[in-house]
């Protein structure tokens, strides 16, 4: 499917949950989102972190602003989780 046809399709976005376990989370996010941006599909991407884990390389403030915990997403449905 080309980009123009994908834009006019009445298809809901794919909901993707990413469990980012990499130490440099922001760098990993950029790399992943760049690859995902190359598709004509509409995507909703959310990131998950383990609330019990204390990250050494990423601030808690960053995680709280841009990531979700399991408690936040436990009742949501995703098409892809990885």
PDB file of N, CA and C in Angstrom:
ATOM      1  N   UNK A   1       0.855  -1.173   0.000  1.00  0.00           N
ATOM      2  CA  UNK A   1       0.000   0.000   0.000  1.00  0.00           C
ATOM      3  C   UNK A   1       0.899   1.232   0.000  1.00  0.00           C
ATOM      4  N   UNK A   2       0.621   2.157  -0.899  1.00  0.00           N
ATOM      5  CA  UNK A   2       1.431   3.372  -0.937  1.00  0.00           C
ATOM      6  C   UNK A   2       0.960   4.367   0.131  1.00  0.00           C
ATOM      7  N   UNK A   3       1.759   5.400   0.348  1.00  0.00           N
ATOM      8  CA  UNK A   3       1.491   6.373   1.418  1.00  0.00           C
ATOM      9  C   UNK A   3       0.174   7.106   1.231  1.00  0.00           C
ATOM     10  N   UNK A   4      -0.132   7.502  -0.008  1.00  0.00           N
ATOM     11  CA  UNK A   4      -1.371   8.256  -0.254  1.00  0.00           C
ATOM     12  C   UNK A   4      -2.600   7.403   0.050  1.00  0.00           C
ATOM     13  N   UNK A   5      -2.591   6.163  -0.374  1.00  0.00           N
ATOM     14  CA  UNK A   5      -3.735   5.282  -0.107  1.00  0.00           C
ATOM     15  C   UNK A   5      -3.860   5.008   1.390  1.00  0.00           C
ATOM     16  N   UNK A   6      -2.758   4.851   2.073  1.00  0.00           N
ATOM     17  CA  UNK A   6      -2.791   4.594   3.516  1.00  0.00           C
ATOM     18  C   UNK A   6      -3.430   5.756   4.264  1.00  0.00           C
ATOM     19  N   UNK A   7      -3.186   6.989   3.815  1.00  0.00           N
ATOM     20  CA  UNK A   7      -3.739   8.167   4.487  1.00  0.00           C
ATOM     21  C   UNK A   7      -5.256   8.239   4.392  1.00  0.00           C
ATOM     22  N   UNK A   8      -5.825   7.765   3.282  1.00  0.00           N
ATOM     23  CA  UNK A   8      -7.273   7.889   3.106  1.00  0.00           C
ATOM     24  C   UNK A   8      -8.040   6.666   3.597  1.00  0.00           C
ATOM     25  N   UNK A   9      -7.348   5.631   3.984  1.00  0.00           N
ATOM     26  CA  UNK A   9      -8.012   4.440   4.506  1.00  0.00           C
ATOM     27  C   UNK A   9      -8.610   4.737   5.872  1.00  0.00           C
ATOM     28  N   UNK A  10      -9.753   4.180   6.139  1.00  0.00           N
ATOM     29  CA  UNK A  10     -10.396   4.352   7.438  1.00  0.00           C
ATOM     30  C   UNK A  10     -10.037   3.153   8.320  1.00  0.00           C
ATOM     31  N   UNK A  11      -8.778   3.099   8.691  1.00  0.00           N
ATOM     32  CA  UNK A  11      -8.253   1.994   9.488  1.00  0.00           C
ATOM     33  C   UNK A  11      -7.713   2.582  10.784  1.00  0.00           C
ATOM     34  N   UNK A  12      -8.037   1.954  11.893  1.00  0.00           N
ATOM     35  CA  UNK A  12      -7.538   2.468  13.162  1.00  0.00           C
ATOM     36  C   UNK A  12      -6.027   2.271  13.246  1.00  0.00           C
ATOM     37  N   UNK A  13      -5.404   3.058  14.063  1.00  0.00           N
ATOM     38  CA  UNK A  13      -3.962   2.980  14.256  1.00  0.00           C
ATOM     39  C   UNK A  13      -3.590   1.677  14.946  1.00  0.00           C
ATOM     40  N   UNK A  14      -2.416   1.166  14.608  1.00  0.00           N
ATOM     41  CA  UNK A  14      -1.868   0.029  15.341  1.00  0.00           C
ATOM     42  C   UNK A  14      -1.338   0.546  16.672  1.00  0.00           C
ATOM     43  N   UNK A  15      -1.707  -0.102  17.741  1.00  0.00           N
ATOM     44  CA  UNK A  15      -1.232   0.297  19.070  1.00  0.00           C
ATOM     45  C   UNK A  15      -0.060  -0.594  19.442  1.00  0.00           C
ATOM     46  N   UNK A  16       1.081   0.051  19.685  1.00  0.00           N
ATOM     47  CA  UNK A  16       2.315  -0.675  19.968  1.00  0.00           C
ATOM     48  C   UNK A  16       2.819  -0.286  21.347  1.00  0.00           C
ATOM     49  N   UNK A  17       3.152  -1.290  22.146  1.00  0.00           N
ATOM     50  CA  UNK A  17       3.756  -1.068  23.456  1.00  0.00           C
ATOM     51  C   UNK A  17       5.178  -1.590  23.400  1.00  0.00           C
ATOM     52  N   UNK A  18       6.135  -0.733  23.732  1.00  0.00           N
ATOM     53  CA  UNK A  18       7.546  -1.097  23.688  1.00  0.00           C
ATOM     54  C   UNK A  18       8.082  -1.157  25.109  1.00  0.00           C
ATOM     55  N   UNK A  19       8.636  -2.309  25.472  1.00  0.00           N
ATOM     56  CA  UNK A  19       9.312  -2.459  26.755  1.00  0.00           C
ATOM     57  C   UNK A  19      10.783  -2.173  26.479  1.00  0.00           C
ATOM     58  N   UNK A  20      11.216  -0.985  26.829  1.00  0.00           N
ATOM     59  CA  UNK A  20      12.573  -0.540  26.515  1.00  0.00           C
ATOM     60  C   UNK A  20      13.486  -0.845  27.697  1.00  0.00           C
ATOM     61  N   UNK A  21      14.303  -1.884  27.558  1.00  0.00           N
ATOM     62  CA  UNK A  21      15.223  -2.289  28.617  1.00  0.00           C
ATOM     63  C   UNK A  21      16.649  -1.810  28.363  1.00  0.00           C
ATOM     64  N   UNK A  22      16.834  -1.031  27.317  1.00  0.00           N
ATOM     65  CA  UNK A  22      18.173  -0.545  26.988  1.00  0.00           C
ATOM     66  C   UNK A  22      18.597   0.543  27.966  1.00  0.00           C
ATOM     67  N   UNK A  23      19.901   0.637  28.262  1.00  0.00           N
ATOM     68  CA  UNK A  23      20.357   1.634  29.241  1.00  0.00           C
ATOM     69  C   UNK A  23      20.165   3.076  28.770  1.00  0.00           C
ATOM     70  N   UNK A  24      20.421   3.352  27.504  1.00  0.00           N
ATOM     71  CA  UNK A  24      20.255   4.708  26.968  1.00  0.00           C
ATOM     72  C   UNK A  24      18.913   4.769  26.254  1.00  0.00           C
ATOM     73  N   UNK A  25      17.881   4.969  27.030  1.00  0.00           N
ATOM     74  CA  UNK A  25      16.513   4.857  26.527  1.00  0.00           C
ATOM     75  C   UNK A  25      16.184   5.857  25.423  1.00  0.00           C
ATOM     76  N   UNK A  26      16.572   7.104  25.587  1.00  0.00           N
ATOM     77  CA  UNK A  26      16.241   8.126  24.586  1.00  0.00           C
ATOM     78  C   UNK A  26      16.863   7.783  23.230  1.00  0.00           C
ATOM     79  N   UNK A  27      18.110   7.322  23.225  1.00  0.00           N
ATOM     80  CA  UNK A  27      18.765   6.941  21.968  1.00  0.00           C
ATOM     81  C   UNK A  27      18.031   5.779  21.306  1.00  0.00           C
ATOM     82  N   UNK A  28      17.641   4.810  22.106  1.00  0.00           N
ATOM     83  CA  UNK A  28      16.923   3.650  21.585  1.00  0.00           C
ATOM     84  C   UNK A  28      15.571   4.060  21.021  1.00  0.00           C
ATOM     85  N   UNK A  29      14.888   4.959  21.715  1.00  0.00           N
ATOM     86  CA  UNK A  29      13.588   5.449  21.232  1.00  0.00           C
ATOM     87  C   UNK A  29      13.726   6.086  19.859  1.00  0.00           C
ATOM     88  N   UNK A  30      14.717   6.943  19.703  1.00  0.00           N
ATOM     89  CA  UNK A  30      14.920   7.641  18.428  1.00  0.00           C
ATOM     90  C   UNK A  30      15.174   6.635  17.313  1.00  0.00           C
ATOM     91  N   UNK A  31      16.046   5.664  17.561  1.00  0.00           N
ATOM     92  CA  UNK A  31      16.349   4.663  16.540  1.00  0.00           C
ATOM     93  C   UNK A  31      15.099   3.879  16.153  1.00  0.00           C
ATOM     94  N   UNK A  32      14.350   3.439  17.138  1.00  0.00           N
ATOM     95  CA  UNK A  32      13.151   2.653  16.869  1.00  0.00           C
ATOM     96  C   UNK A  32      12.093   3.476  16.143  1.00  0.00           C
ATOM     97  N   UNK A  33      11.845   4.680  16.619  1.00  0.00           N
ATOM     98  CA  UNK A  33      10.805   5.513  16.013  1.00  0.00           C
ATOM     99  C   UNK A  33      11.170   5.946  14.595  1.00  0.00           C
ATOM    100  N   UNK A  34      12.446   6.099  14.306  1.00  0.00           N
ATOM    101  CA  UNK A  34      12.863   6.408  12.926  1.00  0.00           C
ATOM    102  C   UNK A  34      12.502   5.266  11.990  1.00  0.00           C
ATOM    103  N   UNK A  35      12.733   4.048  12.437  1.00  0.00           N
ATOM    104  CA  UNK A  35      12.377   2.892  11.604  1.00  0.00           C
ATOM    105  C   UNK A  35      10.865   2.793  11.430  1.00  0.00           C
ATOM    106  N   UNK A  36      10.136   2.990  12.504  1.00  0.00           N
ATOM    107  CA  UNK A  36       8.677   2.896  12.428  1.00  0.00           C
ATOM    108  C   UNK A  36       8.072   4.014  11.587  1.00  0.00           C
ATOM    109  N   UNK A  37       8.734   5.148  11.519  1.00  0.00           N
ATOM    110  CA  UNK A  37       8.222   6.284  10.744  1.00  0.00           C
ATOM    111  C   UNK A  37       8.257   6.018   9.240  1.00  0.00           C
ATOM    112  N   UNK A  38       8.998   5.010   8.819  1.00  0.00           N
ATOM    113  CA  UNK A  38       9.111   4.703   7.396  1.00  0.00           C
ATOM    114  C   UNK A  38       7.945   3.886   6.857  1.00  0.00           C
ATOM    115  N   UNK A  39       6.951   3.616   7.656  1.00  0.00           N
ATOM    116  CA  UNK A  39       5.794   2.854   7.199  1.00  0.00           C
ATOM    117  C   UNK A  39       4.617   3.794   6.943  1.00  0.00           C
ATOM    118  N   UNK A  40       3.782   3.470   5.967  1.00  0.00           N
ATOM    119  CA  UNK A  40       2.596   4.306   5.739  1.00  0.00           C
ATOM    120  C   UNK A  40       1.487   4.043   6.759  1.00  0.00           C
ATOM    121  N   UNK A  41       1.662   3.038   7.595  1.00  0.00           N
ATOM    122  CA  UNK A  41       0.645   2.713   8.596  1.00  0.00           C
ATOM    123  C   UNK A  41       0.600   3.769   9.688  1.00  0.00           C
ATOM    124  N   UNK A  42      -0.572   3.945  10.265  1.00  0.00           N
ATOM    125  CA  UNK A  42      -0.716   4.864  11.388  1.00  0.00           C
ATOM    126  C   UNK A  42      -0.422   4.085  12.666  1.00  0.00           C
ATOM    127  N   UNK A  43       0.464   4.628  13.478  1.00  0.00           N
ATOM    128  CA  UNK A  43       0.913   3.934  14.680  1.00  0.00           C
ATOM    129  C   UNK A  43       0.728   4.796  15.915  1.00  0.00           C
ATOM    130  N   UNK A  44       0.392   4.161  17.013  1.00  0.00           N
ATOM    131  CA  UNK A  44       0.402   4.794  18.329  1.00  0.00           C
ATOM    132  C   UNK A  44       1.399   3.999  19.159  1.00  0.00           C
ATOM    133  N   UNK A  45       2.490   4.637  19.535  1.00  0.00           N
ATOM    134  CA  UNK A  45       3.560   3.947  20.254  1.00  0.00           C
ATOM    135  C   UNK A  45       3.629   4.467  21.680  1.00  0.00           C
ATOM    136  N   UNK A  46       3.661   3.541  22.620  1.00  0.00           N
ATOM    137  CA  UNK A  46       3.856   3.878  24.029  1.00  0.00           C
ATOM    138  C   UNK A  46       5.023   3.057  24.546  1.00  0.00           C
ATOM    139  N   UNK A  47       5.716   3.606  25.527  1.00  0.00           N
ATOM    140  CA  UNK A  47       6.857   2.930  26.124  1.00  0.00           C
ATOM    141  C   UNK A  47       6.539   2.542  27.558  1.00  0.00           C
ATOM    142  N   UNK A  48       7.038   1.372  27.951  1.00  0.00           N
ATOM    143  CA  UNK A  48       6.794   0.829  29.283  1.00  0.00           C
ATOM    144  C   UNK A  48       8.111   0.709  30.033  1.00  0.00           C
ATOM    145  N   UNK A  49       8.081   1.032  31.325  1.00  0.00           N
ATOM    146  CA  UNK A  49       9.238   0.778  32.177  1.00  0.00           C
ATOM    147  C   UNK A  49       8.790   0.067  33.435  1.00  0.00           C
ATOM    148  N   UNK A  50       9.726  -0.615  34.064  1.00  0.00           N
ATOM    149  CA  UNK A  50       9.430  -1.342  35.286  1.00  0.00           C
ATOM    150  C   UNK A  50       9.547  -0.386  36.466  1.00  0.00           C
ATOM    151  N   UNK A  51       8.460  -0.130  37.148  1.00  0.00           N
ATOM    152  CA  UNK A  51       8.444   0.827  38.257  1.00  0.00           C
ATOM    153  C   UNK A  51       9.374   0.395  39.388  1.00  0.00           C
ATOM    154  N   UNK A  52       9.603  -0.897  39.520  1.00  0.00           N
ATOM    155  CA  UNK A  52      10.459  -1.393  40.602  1.00  0.00           C
ATOM    156  C   UNK A  52      11.946  -1.269  40.282  1.00  0.00           C
ATOM    157  N   UNK A  53      12.280  -0.975  39.028  1.00  0.00           N
ATOM    158  CA  UNK A  53      13.683  -0.873  38.613  1.00  0.00           C
ATOM    159  C   UNK A  53      14.153   0.576  38.683  1.00  0.00           C
ATOM    160  N   UNK A  54      15.324   0.793  39.231  1.00  0.00           N
ATOM    161  CA  UNK A  54      15.925   2.131  39.291  1.00  0.00           C
ATOM    162  C   UNK A  54      16.960   2.245  38.172  1.00  0.00           C
ATOM    163  N   UNK A  55      16.659   3.058  37.198  1.00  0.00           N
ATOM    164  CA  UNK A  55      17.546   3.234  36.052  1.00  0.00           C
ATOM    165  C   UNK A  55      18.787   4.023  36.443  1.00  0.00           C
ATOM    166  N   UNK A  56      19.936   3.580  35.946  1.00  0.00           N
ATOM    167  CA  UNK A  56      21.201   4.268  36.226  1.00  0.00           C
ATOM    168  C   UNK A  56      21.473   5.372  35.210  1.00  0.00           C
ATOM    169  N   UNK A  57      20.922   5.235  34.011  1.00  0.00           N
ATOM    170  CA  UNK A  57      21.254   6.150  32.917  1.00  0.00           C
ATOM    171  C   UNK A  57      20.125   7.088  32.507  1.00  0.00           C
ATOM    172  N   UNK A  58      18.932   6.868  33.022  1.00  0.00           N
ATOM    173  CA  UNK A  58      17.775   7.679  32.642  1.00  0.00           C
ATOM    174  C   UNK A  58      17.099   8.177  33.911  1.00  0.00           C
ATOM    175  N   UNK A  59      16.812   9.460  33.954  1.00  0.00           N
ATOM    176  CA  UNK A  59      16.228  10.041  35.169  1.00  0.00           C
ATOM    177  C   UNK A  59      14.795   9.551  35.391  1.00  0.00           C
ATOM    178  N   UNK A  60      14.409   9.489  36.647  1.00  0.00           N
ATOM    179  CA  UNK A  60      13.032   9.111  36.985  1.00  0.00           C
ATOM    180  C   UNK A  60      12.040  10.103  36.400  1.00  0.00           C
ATOM    181  N   UNK A  61      12.409  11.376  36.365  1.00  0.00           N
ATOM    182  CA  UNK A  61      11.531  12.405  35.803  1.00  0.00           C
ATOM    183  C   UNK A  61      11.236  12.110  34.326  1.00  0.00           C
ATOM    184  N   UNK A  62      12.267  11.742  33.580  1.00  0.00           N
ATOM    185  CA  UNK A  62      12.095  11.400  32.164  1.00  0.00           C
ATOM    186  C   UNK A  62      11.159  10.202  32.017  1.00  0.00           C
ATOM    187  N   UNK A  63      11.397   9.173  32.811  1.00  0.00           N
ATOM    188  CA  UNK A  63      10.563   7.973  32.741  1.00  0.00           C
ATOM    189  C   UNK A  63       9.116   8.282  33.096  1.00  0.00           C
ATOM    190  N   UNK A  64       8.904   9.072  34.114  1.00  0.00           N
ATOM    191  CA  UNK A  64       7.541   9.412  34.527  1.00  0.00           C
ATOM    192  C   UNK A  64       6.810  10.238  33.468  1.00  0.00           C
ATOM    193  N   UNK A  65       7.554  11.061  32.725  1.00  0.00           N
ATOM    194  CA  UNK A  65       6.944  11.902  31.689  1.00  0.00           C
ATOM    195  C   UNK A  65       6.645  11.154  30.393  1.00  0.00           C
ATOM    196  N   UNK A  66       7.534  10.256  29.982  1.00  0.00           N
ATOM    197  CA  UNK A  66       7.435   9.659  28.652  1.00  0.00           C
ATOM    198  C   UNK A  66       7.129   8.165  28.643  1.00  0.00           C
ATOM    199  N   UNK A  67       7.105   7.544  29.802  1.00  0.00           N
ATOM    200  CA  UNK A  67       6.881   6.106  29.894  1.00  0.00           C
ATOM    201  C   UNK A  67       5.656   5.809  30.741  1.00  0.00           C
ATOM    202  N   UNK A  68       5.147   4.601  30.596  1.00  0.00           N
ATOM    203  CA  UNK A  68       4.026   4.125  31.395  1.00  0.00           C
ATOM    204  C   UNK A  68       4.517   2.961  32.257  1.00  0.00           C
ATOM    205  N   UNK A  69       3.825   2.749  33.364  1.00  0.00           N
ATOM    206  CA  UNK A  69       4.101   1.573  34.190  1.00  0.00           C
ATOM    207  C   UNK A  69       3.043   0.517  33.877  1.00  0.00           C
ATOM    208  N   UNK A  70       3.257  -0.675  34.392  1.00  0.00           N
ATOM    209  CA  UNK A  70       2.274  -1.731  34.177  1.00  0.00           C
ATOM    210  C   UNK A  70       0.918  -1.334  34.752  1.00  0.00           C
ATOM    211  N   UNK A  71       0.925  -0.679  35.896  1.00  0.00           N
ATOM    212  CA  UNK A  71      -0.340  -0.235  36.505  1.00  0.00           C
ATOM    213  C   UNK A  71      -1.107   0.696  35.564  1.00  0.00           C
ATOM    214  N   UNK A  72      -0.386   1.503  34.793  1.00  0.00           N
ATOM    215  CA  UNK A  72      -1.022   2.431  33.848  1.00  0.00           C
ATOM    216  C   UNK A  72      -1.689   1.709  32.674  1.00  0.00           C
ATOM    217  N   UNK A  73      -1.110   0.600  32.245  1.00  0.00           N
ATOM    218  CA  UNK A  73      -1.549  -0.018  30.986  1.00  0.00           C
ATOM    219  C   UNK A  73      -2.244  -1.367  31.158  1.00  0.00           C
ATOM    220  N   UNK A  74      -2.369  -1.850  32.379  1.00  0.00           N
ATOM    221  CA  UNK A  74      -2.855  -3.223  32.583  1.00  0.00           C
ATOM    222  C   UNK A  74      -4.231  -3.490  31.985  1.00  0.00           C
ATOM    223  N   UNK A  75      -5.060  -2.474  31.846  1.00  0.00           N
ATOM    224  CA  UNK A  75      -6.396  -2.669  31.281  1.00  0.00           C
ATOM    225  C   UNK A  75      -6.502  -2.246  29.819  1.00  0.00           C
ATOM    226  N   UNK A  76      -5.384  -1.903  29.202  1.00  0.00           N
ATOM    227  CA  UNK A  76      -5.384  -1.493  27.798  1.00  0.00           C
ATOM    228  C   UNK A  76      -5.072  -2.686  26.899  1.00  0.00           C
ATOM    229  N   UNK A  77      -5.479  -2.578  25.659  1.00  0.00           N
ATOM    230  CA  UNK A  77      -5.188  -3.608  24.661  1.00  0.00           C
ATOM    231  C   UNK A  77      -4.224  -3.038  23.623  1.00  0.00           C
ATOM    232  N   UNK A  78      -3.256  -3.841  23.242  1.00  0.00           N
ATOM    233  CA  UNK A  78      -2.265  -3.451  22.240  1.00  0.00           C
ATOM    234  C   UNK A  78      -2.240  -4.495  21.135  1.00  0.00           C
ATOM    235  N   UNK A  79      -1.889  -4.049  19.944  1.00  0.00           N
ATOM    236  CA  UNK A  79      -1.747  -4.967  18.818  1.00  0.00           C
ATOM    237  C   UNK A  79      -0.391  -5.654  18.848  1.00  0.00           C
ATOM    238  N   UNK A  80       0.602  -4.916  19.318  1.00  0.00           N
ATOM    239  CA  UNK A  80       1.968  -5.432  19.355  1.00  0.00           C
ATOM    240  C   UNK A  80       2.589  -5.032  20.680  1.00  0.00           C
ATOM    241  N   UNK A  81       3.292  -5.978  21.294  1.00  0.00           N
ATOM    242  CA  UNK A  81       4.014  -5.681  22.529  1.00  0.00           C
ATOM    243  C   UNK A  81       5.380  -6.325  22.412  1.00  0.00           C
ATOM    244  N   UNK A  82       6.401  -5.544  22.656  1.00  0.00           N
ATOM    245  CA  UNK A  82       7.733  -6.119  22.536  1.00  0.00           C
ATOM    246  C   UNK A  82       8.773  -5.251  23.148  1.00  0.00           C
TER     247      UNK A  82
END
